[in-house]
Structures are given as structure tokens and as C-alpha cells.
Amino acid sequence: MSSLLSDFLSLFFPPTCEICNNSLGKNDYLICTDCLGHLPYTQWHKNENNPLHAVFWGKIDLKGVTALFYFHNDSRVQKLMHKFKYKGTKELGFYLGKRYGSQLKNAEPFNTIDLIIPVPLHPDKMKKRGYNQSEQFANGLGQSMDVKVATNNLYRKIASETQTLKSKIERWENVKDIFAVAHPEYLAGKHILLVDDVITTGSTLESCARVLLEIPEVSLSVAAIAAAHK
């Protein structure tokens, strides 16, 4: 019955692409085939010494660093991320995570991940937004990679200000020392994939990573949906 109702509604309110707003094809989901084909994929998971990994050199020791898309202003990816973060289309994160996870599970060093941890939101922001966008992406990755997602261990102890419009130094000052781990014994010895939605300067991930890397024998990799890259 629900399938019949869905087909009936689609006649009058056909689903549209979250990027271009054109009608989706029969086999499309959330993003049309044309937009999927023209998104700026980085392929950084195939290159250990990629430009995003270089952002963290000399700061924190990471096994692998990658992002699915390049992020540029006024681009398809910016429209996509705006829908995902601010318009409540949380399904986008899970969908993109599933797609990317199917690639990461066969790529070194991501094929040795033991646990996935999304960058946490402060409870106040979580309550306001209704979901953690990084967690949605992490859940999709976890399903494709067959890896557990942990959301209750790493936590944000301070509600920091938004990073938008802050300089690189201001971003770091805004997020340093704001994360903590509740039960480090559960993470000891694991290869953890730390997941964020968009990487700009990398300050938030660096702050998270410093806390996690204090745990004995933890190794760490990073993945995001998109990353700013000049």
C-alpha cells in the first residue's frame, strides 16, 4: 500500500535532485546521475601523500587522510553540503558515506580500520540541529566498510563558537582543548577512522586527534565528505 501511495504522489510531486533540483530518474536517489558524474571527486584515498594529508604533517601523526570531494564556493558540493547541514536532508550524509565506504574498504590504510568515530557536536547544538552531520556520514561508511561506529566516547566538553569567518589561528584557538574521551580503555590499540563533514584548516580534527592519540597504541586516520583545497 505504501508503495502504491509513493508512486501516486510521485506523479504529482516527483522527487528532485538535491543539487540541481531537476527530477530524479527511476534509478536515482537524492542526487541525479548527471550531478553525480560531475561532482569533483578527489581520489585522495588512492594517494597516501595527497595535499590534504600534507595539511597535518608536523602536527599530528595520521596513517591516512582523505575526502570524497573538493569543496569550492558556489559549486555543486557547496549546494550539497548546505542542504545536508542546514536544510535537514540528513539522508545525504548516510548515502555519501555508503558510496565512499565501498571505496575505502579496499584502499590502504583504510582497509585496516577497527572503529569509526565522528567528530561530536556539543549537546546544545545537537538539540538545535537534530542530528550530527558527521555521524550520518560515519554511519554510511560503517555500513559499507562493516566497521562499528562509536558515538558516545569522544565528546565535546565545551560549546565552541562557529568556525565560519575565523582565521586559521582563530579556528585553532576556538577548538583546542574542547574534546575529551570518556572511556579511553575501549579505544586502546585500535586503528580509528575520525570522520568530519568538511575540512577547511583541519583545526577541529587536529583537536580531536590530539586527545585520541594520547591513548596507548592508538593509530588514527581521517575521512571527510569534502575538503577545501586551493
C-alpha atoms as a PDB file:
ATOM      1  CA  MET A   1       0.000   0.000   0.000  1.00  0.00           C
ATOM      2  CA  SER A   2       2.787   2.401   0.902  1.00  0.00           C
ATOM      3  CA  SER A   3       4.489   1.660  -2.436  1.00  0.00           C
ATOM      4  CA  LEU A   4       1.275   2.498  -4.326  1.00  0.00           C
ATOM      5  CA  LEU A   5       0.911   5.726  -2.371  1.00  0.00           C
ATOM      6  CA  SER A   6       4.510   6.643  -3.081  1.00  0.00           C
ATOM      7  CA  ASP A   7       4.041   6.018  -6.807  1.00  0.00           C
ATOM      8  CA  PHE A   8       0.848   8.084  -6.794  1.00  0.00           C
ATOM      9  CA  LEU A   9       2.490  11.019  -5.028  1.00  0.00           C
ATOM     10  CA  SER A  10       5.458  10.849  -7.394  1.00  0.00           C
ATOM     11  CA  LEU A  11       3.121  11.594 -10.297  1.00  0.00           C
ATOM     12  CA  PHE A  12       2.281  14.981  -8.811  1.00  0.00           C
ATOM     13  CA  PHE A  13       5.366  15.642  -6.659  1.00  0.00           C
ATOM     14  CA  PRO A  14       8.287  13.897  -8.376  1.00  0.00           C
ATOM     15  CA  PRO A  15      11.463  13.694  -6.264  1.00  0.00           C
ATOM     16  CA  THR A  16      14.137  16.141  -7.347  1.00  0.00           C
ATOM     17  CA  CYS A  17      17.912  16.221  -7.207  1.00  0.00           C
ATOM     18  CA  GLU A  18      19.303  17.819  -4.045  1.00  0.00           C
ATOM     19  CA  ILE A  19      21.823  19.729  -6.141  1.00  0.00           C
ATOM     20  CA  CYS A  20      20.200  20.854  -9.398  1.00  0.00           C
ATOM     21  CA  ASN A  21      16.506  20.402  -8.472  1.00  0.00           C
ATOM     22  CA  ASN A  22      15.782  18.530 -11.689  1.00  0.00           C
ATOM     23  CA  SER A  23      13.569  15.448 -11.500  1.00  0.00           C
ATOM     24  CA  LEU A  24      15.319  12.262 -10.452  1.00  0.00           C
ATOM     25  CA  GLY A  25      15.422   9.302 -12.788  1.00  0.00           C
ATOM     26  CA  LYS A  26      13.806   5.996 -11.860  1.00  0.00           C
ATOM     27  CA  ASN A  27      17.076   4.570 -10.524  1.00  0.00           C
ATOM     28  CA  ASP A  28      18.380   7.808  -8.963  1.00  0.00           C
ATOM     29  CA  TYR A  29      18.407   8.541  -5.235  1.00  0.00           C
ATOM     30  CA  LEU A  30      18.808  12.068  -3.801  1.00  0.00           C
ATOM     31  CA  ILE A  31      21.318  13.098  -6.490  1.00  0.00           C
ATOM     32  CA  CYS A  32      20.728  12.774 -10.234  1.00  0.00           C
ATOM     33  CA  THR A  33      23.069  10.809 -12.470  1.00  0.00           C
ATOM     34  CA  ASP A  34      24.293  13.960 -14.216  1.00  0.00           C
ATOM     35  CA  CYS A  35      25.288  15.685 -10.966  1.00  0.00           C
ATOM     36  CA  LEU A  36      26.913  12.508  -9.622  1.00  0.00           C
ATOM     37  CA  GLY A  37      29.011  12.342 -12.764  1.00  0.00           C
ATOM     38  CA  HIS A  38      30.139  15.965 -12.487  1.00  0.00           C
ATOM     39  CA  LEU A  39      30.983  16.151  -8.782  1.00  0.00           C
ATOM     40  CA  PRO A  40      34.677  16.906  -8.100  1.00  0.00           C
ATOM     41  CA  TYR A  41      35.965  13.619  -6.679  1.00  0.00           C
ATOM     42  CA  THR A  42      39.425  13.848  -5.113  1.00  0.00           C
ATOM     43  CA  GLN A  43      40.529  10.189  -5.361  1.00  0.00           C
ATOM     44  CA  TRP A  44      42.843  11.005  -2.433  1.00  0.00           C
ATOM     45  CA  HIS A  45      42.259   7.587  -0.869  1.00  0.00           C
ATOM     46  CA  LYS A  46      44.475   6.238  -3.651  1.00  0.00           C
ATOM     47  CA  ASN A  47      47.347   8.620  -2.848  1.00  0.00           C
ATOM     48  CA  GLU A  48      48.984   8.459   0.581  1.00  0.00           C
ATOM     49  CA  ASN A  49      50.867  11.726   0.048  1.00  0.00           C
ATOM     50  CA  ASN A  50      47.877  13.764  -1.070  1.00  0.00           C
ATOM     51  CA  PRO A  51      47.542  17.530  -0.413  1.00  0.00           C
ATOM     52  CA  LEU A  52      45.058  17.021   2.434  1.00  0.00           C
ATOM     53  CA  HIS A  53      47.417  14.703   4.298  1.00  0.00           C
ATOM     54  CA  ALA A  54      50.086  17.409   3.964  1.00  0.00           C
ATOM     55  CA  VAL A  55      47.882  19.801   5.982  1.00  0.00           C
ATOM     56  CA  PHE A  56      48.574  17.701   9.074  1.00  0.00           C
ATOM     57  CA  TRP A  57      52.265  16.944   8.551  1.00  0.00           C
ATOM     58  CA  GLY A  58      54.352  18.049  11.529  1.00  0.00           C
ATOM     59  CA  LYS A  59      51.224  18.468  13.674  1.00  0.00           C
ATOM     60  CA  ILE A  60      49.724  15.028  14.264  1.00  0.00           C
ATOM     61  CA  ASP A  61      50.640  11.529  13.162  1.00  0.00           C
ATOM     62  CA  LEU A  62      47.963  10.156  10.842  1.00  0.00           C
ATOM     63  CA  LYS A  63      48.073   6.932   8.835  1.00  0.00           C
ATOM     64  CA  GLY A  64      45.679   8.116   6.147  1.00  0.00           C
ATOM     65  CA  VAL A  65      43.765  11.289   5.276  1.00  0.00           C
ATOM     66  CA  THR A  66      41.116  11.622   2.600  1.00  0.00           C
ATOM     67  CA  ALA A  67      37.933  13.390   1.492  1.00  0.00           C
ATOM     68  CA  LEU A  68      35.362  12.393  -1.082  1.00  0.00           C
ATOM     69  CA  PHE A  69      35.008  15.796  -2.794  1.00  0.00           C
ATOM     70  CA  TYR A  70      36.889  19.029  -3.355  1.00  0.00           C
ATOM     71  CA  PHE A  71      34.994  21.927  -1.771  1.00  0.00           C
ATOM     72  CA  HIS A  72      34.729  25.270  -3.579  1.00  0.00           C
ATOM     73  CA  ASN A  73      32.351  28.174  -3.092  1.00  0.00           C
ATOM     74  CA  ASP A  74      29.386  28.387  -5.475  1.00  0.00           C
ATOM     75  CA  SER A  75      29.834  24.764  -6.514  1.00  0.00           C
ATOM     76  CA  ARG A  76      27.667  21.665  -6.616  1.00  0.00           C
ATOM     77  CA  VAL A  77      29.396  20.451  -3.459  1.00  0.00           C
ATOM     78  CA  GLN A  78      28.609  23.658  -1.583  1.00  0.00           C
ATOM     79  CA  LYS A  79      24.924  23.316  -2.515  1.00  0.00           C
ATOM     80  CA  LEU A  80      25.007  19.697  -1.424  1.00  0.00           C
ATOM     81  CA  MET A  81      26.603  20.477   1.936  1.00  0.00           C
ATOM     82  CA  HIS A  82      24.198  23.340   2.578  1.00  0.00           C
ATOM     83  CA  LYS A  83      21.237  21.011   2.091  1.00  0.00           C
ATOM     84  CA  PHE A  84      22.869  18.411   4.317  1.00  0.00           C
ATOM     85  CA  LYS A  85      23.917  20.679   7.191  1.00  0.00           C
ATOM     86  CA  TYR A  86      21.208  23.308   7.326  1.00  0.00           C
ATOM     87  CA  LYS A  87      18.121  22.037   5.486  1.00  0.00           C
ATOM     88  CA  GLY A  88      17.602  18.784   7.363  1.00  0.00           C
ATOM     89  CA  THR A  89      18.441  16.433   4.496  1.00  0.00           C
ATOM     90  CA  LYS A  90      20.383  14.092   6.765  1.00  0.00           C
ATOM     91  CA  GLU A  91      19.933  11.147   4.386  1.00  0.00           C
ATOM     92  CA  LEU A  92      22.582  12.720   2.160  1.00  0.00           C
ATOM     93  CA  GLY A  93      25.306  12.004   4.712  1.00  0.00           C
ATOM     94  CA  PHE A  94      24.426   8.338   5.032  1.00  0.00           C
ATOM     95  CA  TYR A  95      24.140   7.948   1.260  1.00  0.00           C
ATOM     96  CA  LEU A  96      27.528   9.564   0.586  1.00  0.00           C
ATOM     97  CA  GLY A  97      29.096   7.545   3.392  1.00  0.00           C
ATOM     98  CA  LYS A  98      27.864   4.292   1.859  1.00  0.00           C
ATOM     99  CA  ARG A  99      29.248   5.255  -1.547  1.00  0.00           C
ATOM    100  CA  TYR A 100      32.640   6.283  -0.180  1.00  0.00           C
ATOM    101  CA  GLY A 101      32.886   3.378   2.233  1.00  0.00           C
ATOM    102  CA  SER A 102      32.691   0.932  -0.666  1.00  0.00           C
ATOM    103  CA  GLN A 103      35.915   2.500  -1.971  1.00  0.00           C
ATOM    104  CA  LEU A 104      37.745   2.938   1.335  1.00  0.00           C
ATOM    105  CA  LYS A 105      37.285  -0.665   2.441  1.00  0.00           C
ATOM    106  CA  ASN A 106      39.609  -1.769  -0.387  1.00  0.00           C
ATOM    107  CA  ALA A 107      42.203   1.012  -0.017  1.00  0.00           C
ATOM    108  CA  GLU A 108      45.210   1.135   2.300  1.00  0.00           C
ATOM    109  CA  PRO A 109      45.379   2.131   5.120  1.00  0.00           C
ATOM    110  CA  PHE A 110      41.598   2.421   5.435  1.00  0.00           C
ATOM    111  CA  ASN A 111      41.134  -1.321   4.966  1.00  0.00           C
ATOM    112  CA  THR A 112      42.533  -1.886   8.481  1.00  0.00           C
ATOM    113  CA  ILE A 113      40.113   0.400  10.343  1.00  0.00           C
ATOM    114  CA  ASP A 114      38.807  -1.089  13.625  1.00  0.00           C
ATOM    115  CA  LEU A 115      36.424   1.681  14.672  1.00  0.00           C
ATOM    116  CA  ILE A 116      34.839   4.833  13.225  1.00  0.00           C
ATOM    117  CA  ILE A 117      34.337   7.926  15.385  1.00  0.00           C
ATOM    118  CA  PRO A 118      32.518  11.034  14.081  1.00  0.00           C
ATOM    119  CA  VAL A 119      33.520  14.486  15.315  1.00  0.00           C
ATOM    120  CA  PRO A 120      30.957  15.120  18.071  1.00  0.00           C
ATOM    121  CA  LEU A 121      28.615  18.069  18.377  1.00  0.00           C
ATOM    122  CA  HIS A 122      28.013  19.768  21.696  1.00  0.00           C
ATOM    123  CA  PRO A 123      24.639  18.621  23.155  1.00  0.00           C
ATOM    124  CA  ASP A 124      23.212  22.141  22.769  1.00  0.00           C
ATOM    125  CA  LYS A 125      23.975  22.227  19.042  1.00  0.00           C
ATOM    126  CA  MET A 126      22.823  18.631  18.629  1.00  0.00           C
ATOM    127  CA  LYS A 127      19.485  19.560  20.182  1.00  0.00           C
ATOM    128  CA  LYS A 128      19.133  22.592  17.919  1.00  0.00           C
ATOM    129  CA  ARG A 129      20.103  20.845  14.659  1.00  0.00           C
ATOM    130  CA  GLY A 130      18.514  17.489  15.451  1.00  0.00           C
ATOM    131  CA  TYR A 131      21.367  15.369  14.115  1.00  0.00           C
ATOM    132  CA  ASN A 132      25.143  15.266  13.827  1.00  0.00           C
ATOM    133  CA  GLN A 133      26.073  15.527  10.152  1.00  0.00           C
ATOM    134  CA  SER A 134      29.436  13.807  10.734  1.00  0.00           C
ATOM    135  CA  GLU A 135      27.656  10.925  12.447  1.00  0.00           C
ATOM    136  CA  GLN A 136      25.347  10.459   9.461  1.00  0.00           C
ATOM    137  CA  PHE A 137      28.361  10.190   7.155  1.00  0.00           C
ATOM    138  CA  ALA A 138      30.105   7.861   9.626  1.00  0.00           C
ATOM    139  CA  ASN A 139      27.089   5.548   9.739  1.00  0.00           C
ATOM    140  CA  GLY A 140      27.127   5.195   5.972  1.00  0.00           C
ATOM    141  CA  LEU A 141      30.863   4.492   5.978  1.00  0.00           C
ATOM    142  CA  GLY A 142      30.411   1.944   8.749  1.00  0.00           C
ATOM    143  CA  GLN A 143      27.739   0.040   6.857  1.00  0.00           C
ATOM    144  CA  SER A 144      29.807  -0.273   3.675  1.00  0.00           C
ATOM    145  CA  MET A 145      33.078  -0.970   5.489  1.00  0.00           C
ATOM    146  CA  ASP A 146      31.465  -3.330   8.016  1.00  0.00           C
ATOM    147  CA  VAL A 147      33.035  -1.362  10.866  1.00  0.00           C
ATOM    148  CA  LYS A 148      31.388  -0.296  14.120  1.00  0.00           C
ATOM    149  CA  VAL A 149      30.636   3.413  14.683  1.00  0.00           C
ATOM    150  CA  ALA A 150      31.218   4.733  18.217  1.00  0.00           C
ATOM    151  CA  THR A 151      29.362   7.923  19.162  1.00  0.00           C
ATOM    152  CA  ASN A 152      29.445   8.011  22.977  1.00  0.00           C
ATOM    153  CA  ASN A 153      33.153   8.002  23.785  1.00  0.00           C
ATOM    154  CA  LEU A 154      34.733  11.075  22.213  1.00  0.00           C
ATOM    155  CA  TYR A 155      32.721  14.100  23.320  1.00  0.00           C
ATOM    156  CA  ARG A 156      32.780  17.891  23.094  1.00  0.00           C
ATOM    157  CA  LYS A 157      33.014  19.324  26.609  1.00  0.00           C
ATOM    158  CA  ILE A 158      32.754  22.981  25.563  1.00  0.00           C
ATOM    159  CA  ALA A 159      30.314  24.581  23.121  1.00  0.00           C
ATOM    160  CA  SER A 160      32.683  26.446  20.801  1.00  0.00           C
ATOM    161  CA  GLU A 161      31.667  29.283  18.504  1.00  0.00           C
ATOM    162  CA  THR A 162      31.099  28.677  14.825  1.00  0.00           C
ATOM    163  CA  GLN A 163      34.305  28.450  12.775  1.00  0.00           C
ATOM    164  CA  THR A 164      32.829  30.423   9.881  1.00  0.00           C
ATOM    165  CA  LEU A 165      34.777  33.613   9.023  1.00  0.00           C
ATOM    166  CA  LYS A 166      37.529  32.851  11.548  1.00  0.00           C
ATOM    167  CA  SER A 167      41.194  32.922  10.551  1.00  0.00           C
ATOM    168  CA  LYS A 168      43.379  29.814  10.782  1.00  0.00           C
ATOM    169  CA  ILE A 169      44.801  30.889  14.136  1.00  0.00           C
ATOM    170  CA  GLU A 170      41.375  31.857  15.465  1.00  0.00           C
ATOM    171  CA  ARG A 171      39.980  28.496  14.402  1.00  0.00           C
ATOM    172  CA  TRP A 172      42.630  26.669  16.402  1.00  0.00           C
ATOM    173  CA  GLU A 173      42.124  28.865  19.473  1.00  0.00           C
ATOM    174  CA  ASN A 174      38.397  28.225  19.182  1.00  0.00           C
ATOM    175  CA  VAL A 175      38.653  24.426  19.289  1.00  0.00           C
ATOM    176  CA  LYS A 176      41.788  23.485  21.197  1.00  0.00           C
ATOM    177  CA  ASP A 177      41.162  21.628  24.464  1.00  0.00           C
ATOM    178  CA  ILE A 178      37.408  21.283  23.889  1.00  0.00           C
ATOM    179  CA  PHE A 179      37.287  17.490  23.352  1.00  0.00           C
ATOM    180  CA  ALA A 180      37.674  14.611  25.798  1.00  0.00           C
ATOM    181  CA  VAL A 181      37.401  10.803  25.869  1.00  0.00           C
ATOM    182  CA  ALA A 182      35.060   9.132  28.345  1.00  0.00           C
ATOM    183  CA  HIS A 183      36.467   5.579  28.220  1.00  0.00           C
ATOM    184  CA  PRO A 184      39.946   5.512  26.661  1.00  0.00           C
ATOM    185  CA  GLU A 185      40.418   1.853  27.637  1.00  0.00           C
ATOM    186  CA  TYR A 186      37.897   0.850  24.962  1.00  0.00           C
ATOM    187  CA  LEU A 187      39.954   2.552  22.256  1.00  0.00           C
ATOM    188  CA  ALA A 188      43.448   1.357  23.179  1.00  0.00           C
ATOM    189  CA  GLY A 189      45.264  -0.456  20.387  1.00  0.00           C
ATOM    190  CA  LYS A 190      42.675   0.359  17.712  1.00  0.00           C
ATOM    191  CA  HIS A 191      43.047   1.926  14.275  1.00  0.00           C
ATOM    192  CA  ILE A 192      40.373   4.645  14.402  1.00  0.00           C
ATOM    193  CA  LEU A 193      38.830   6.491  11.472  1.00  0.00           C
ATOM    194  CA  LEU A 194      37.966  10.013  12.628  1.00  0.00           C
ATOM    195  CA  VAL A 195      35.186  11.464  10.474  1.00  0.00           C
ATOM    196  CA  ASP A 196      34.147  15.066   9.773  1.00  0.00           C
ATOM    197  CA  ASP A 197      31.850  16.650   7.203  1.00  0.00           C
ATOM    198  CA  VAL A 198      34.015  19.446   5.741  1.00  0.00           C
ATOM    199  CA  ILE A 199      37.707  20.120   6.325  1.00  0.00           C
ATOM    200  CA  THR A 200      38.960  23.670   5.924  1.00  0.00           C
ATOM    201  CA  THR A 201      42.044  24.337   8.084  1.00  0.00           C
ATOM    202  CA  GLY A 202      41.822  20.985   9.886  1.00  0.00           C
ATOM    203  CA  SER A 203      41.771  22.629  13.329  1.00  0.00           C
ATOM    204  CA  THR A 204      38.769  20.688  14.654  1.00  0.00           C
ATOM    205  CA  LEU A 205      40.178  17.345  13.533  1.00  0.00           C
ATOM    206  CA  GLU A 206      43.580  18.199  14.978  1.00  0.00           C
ATOM    207  CA  SER A 207      41.999  18.968  18.341  1.00  0.00           C
ATOM    208  CA  CYS A 208      40.126  15.641  18.324  1.00  0.00           C
ATOM    209  CA  ALA A 209      43.182  13.738  17.141  1.00  0.00           C
ATOM    210  CA  ARG A 210      45.451  15.059  19.885  1.00  0.00           C
ATOM    211  CA  VAL A 211      43.094  13.640  22.516  1.00  0.00           C
ATOM    212  CA  LEU A 212      42.724  10.277  20.791  1.00  0.00           C
ATOM    213  CA  LEU A 213      46.450   9.874  20.163  1.00  0.00           C
ATOM    214  CA  GLU A 214      47.143  10.123  23.891  1.00  0.00           C
ATOM    215  CA  ILE A 215      45.546   6.669  24.238  1.00  0.00           C
ATOM    216  CA  PRO A 216      48.074   3.795  24.223  1.00  0.00           C
ATOM    217  CA  GLU A 217      48.775   2.214  20.815  1.00  0.00           C
ATOM    218  CA  VAL A 218      46.007   4.089  19.008  1.00  0.00           C
ATOM    219  CA  SER A 219      46.571   4.794  15.323  1.00  0.00           C
ATOM    220  CA  LEU A 220      44.433   7.303  13.504  1.00  0.00           C
ATOM    221  CA  SER A 221      43.165   8.069  10.002  1.00  0.00           C
ATOM    222  CA  VAL A 222      40.798  10.825   8.840  1.00  0.00           C
ATOM    223  CA  ALA A 223      37.984  10.995   6.281  1.00  0.00           C
ATOM    224  CA  ALA A 224      35.550  13.746   5.334  1.00  0.00           C
ATOM    225  CA  ILE A 225      32.848  14.379   2.772  1.00  0.00           C
ATOM    226  CA  ALA A 226      34.637  17.405   1.360  1.00  0.00           C
ATOM    227  CA  ALA A 227      37.781  19.461   1.837  1.00  0.00           C
ATOM    228  CA  ALA A 228      38.721  22.987   0.837  1.00  0.00           C
ATOM    229  CA  HIS A 229      41.695  22.871  -1.491  1.00  0.00           C
ATOM    230  CA  LYS A 230      43.267  25.679  -3.488  1.00  0.00           C
END
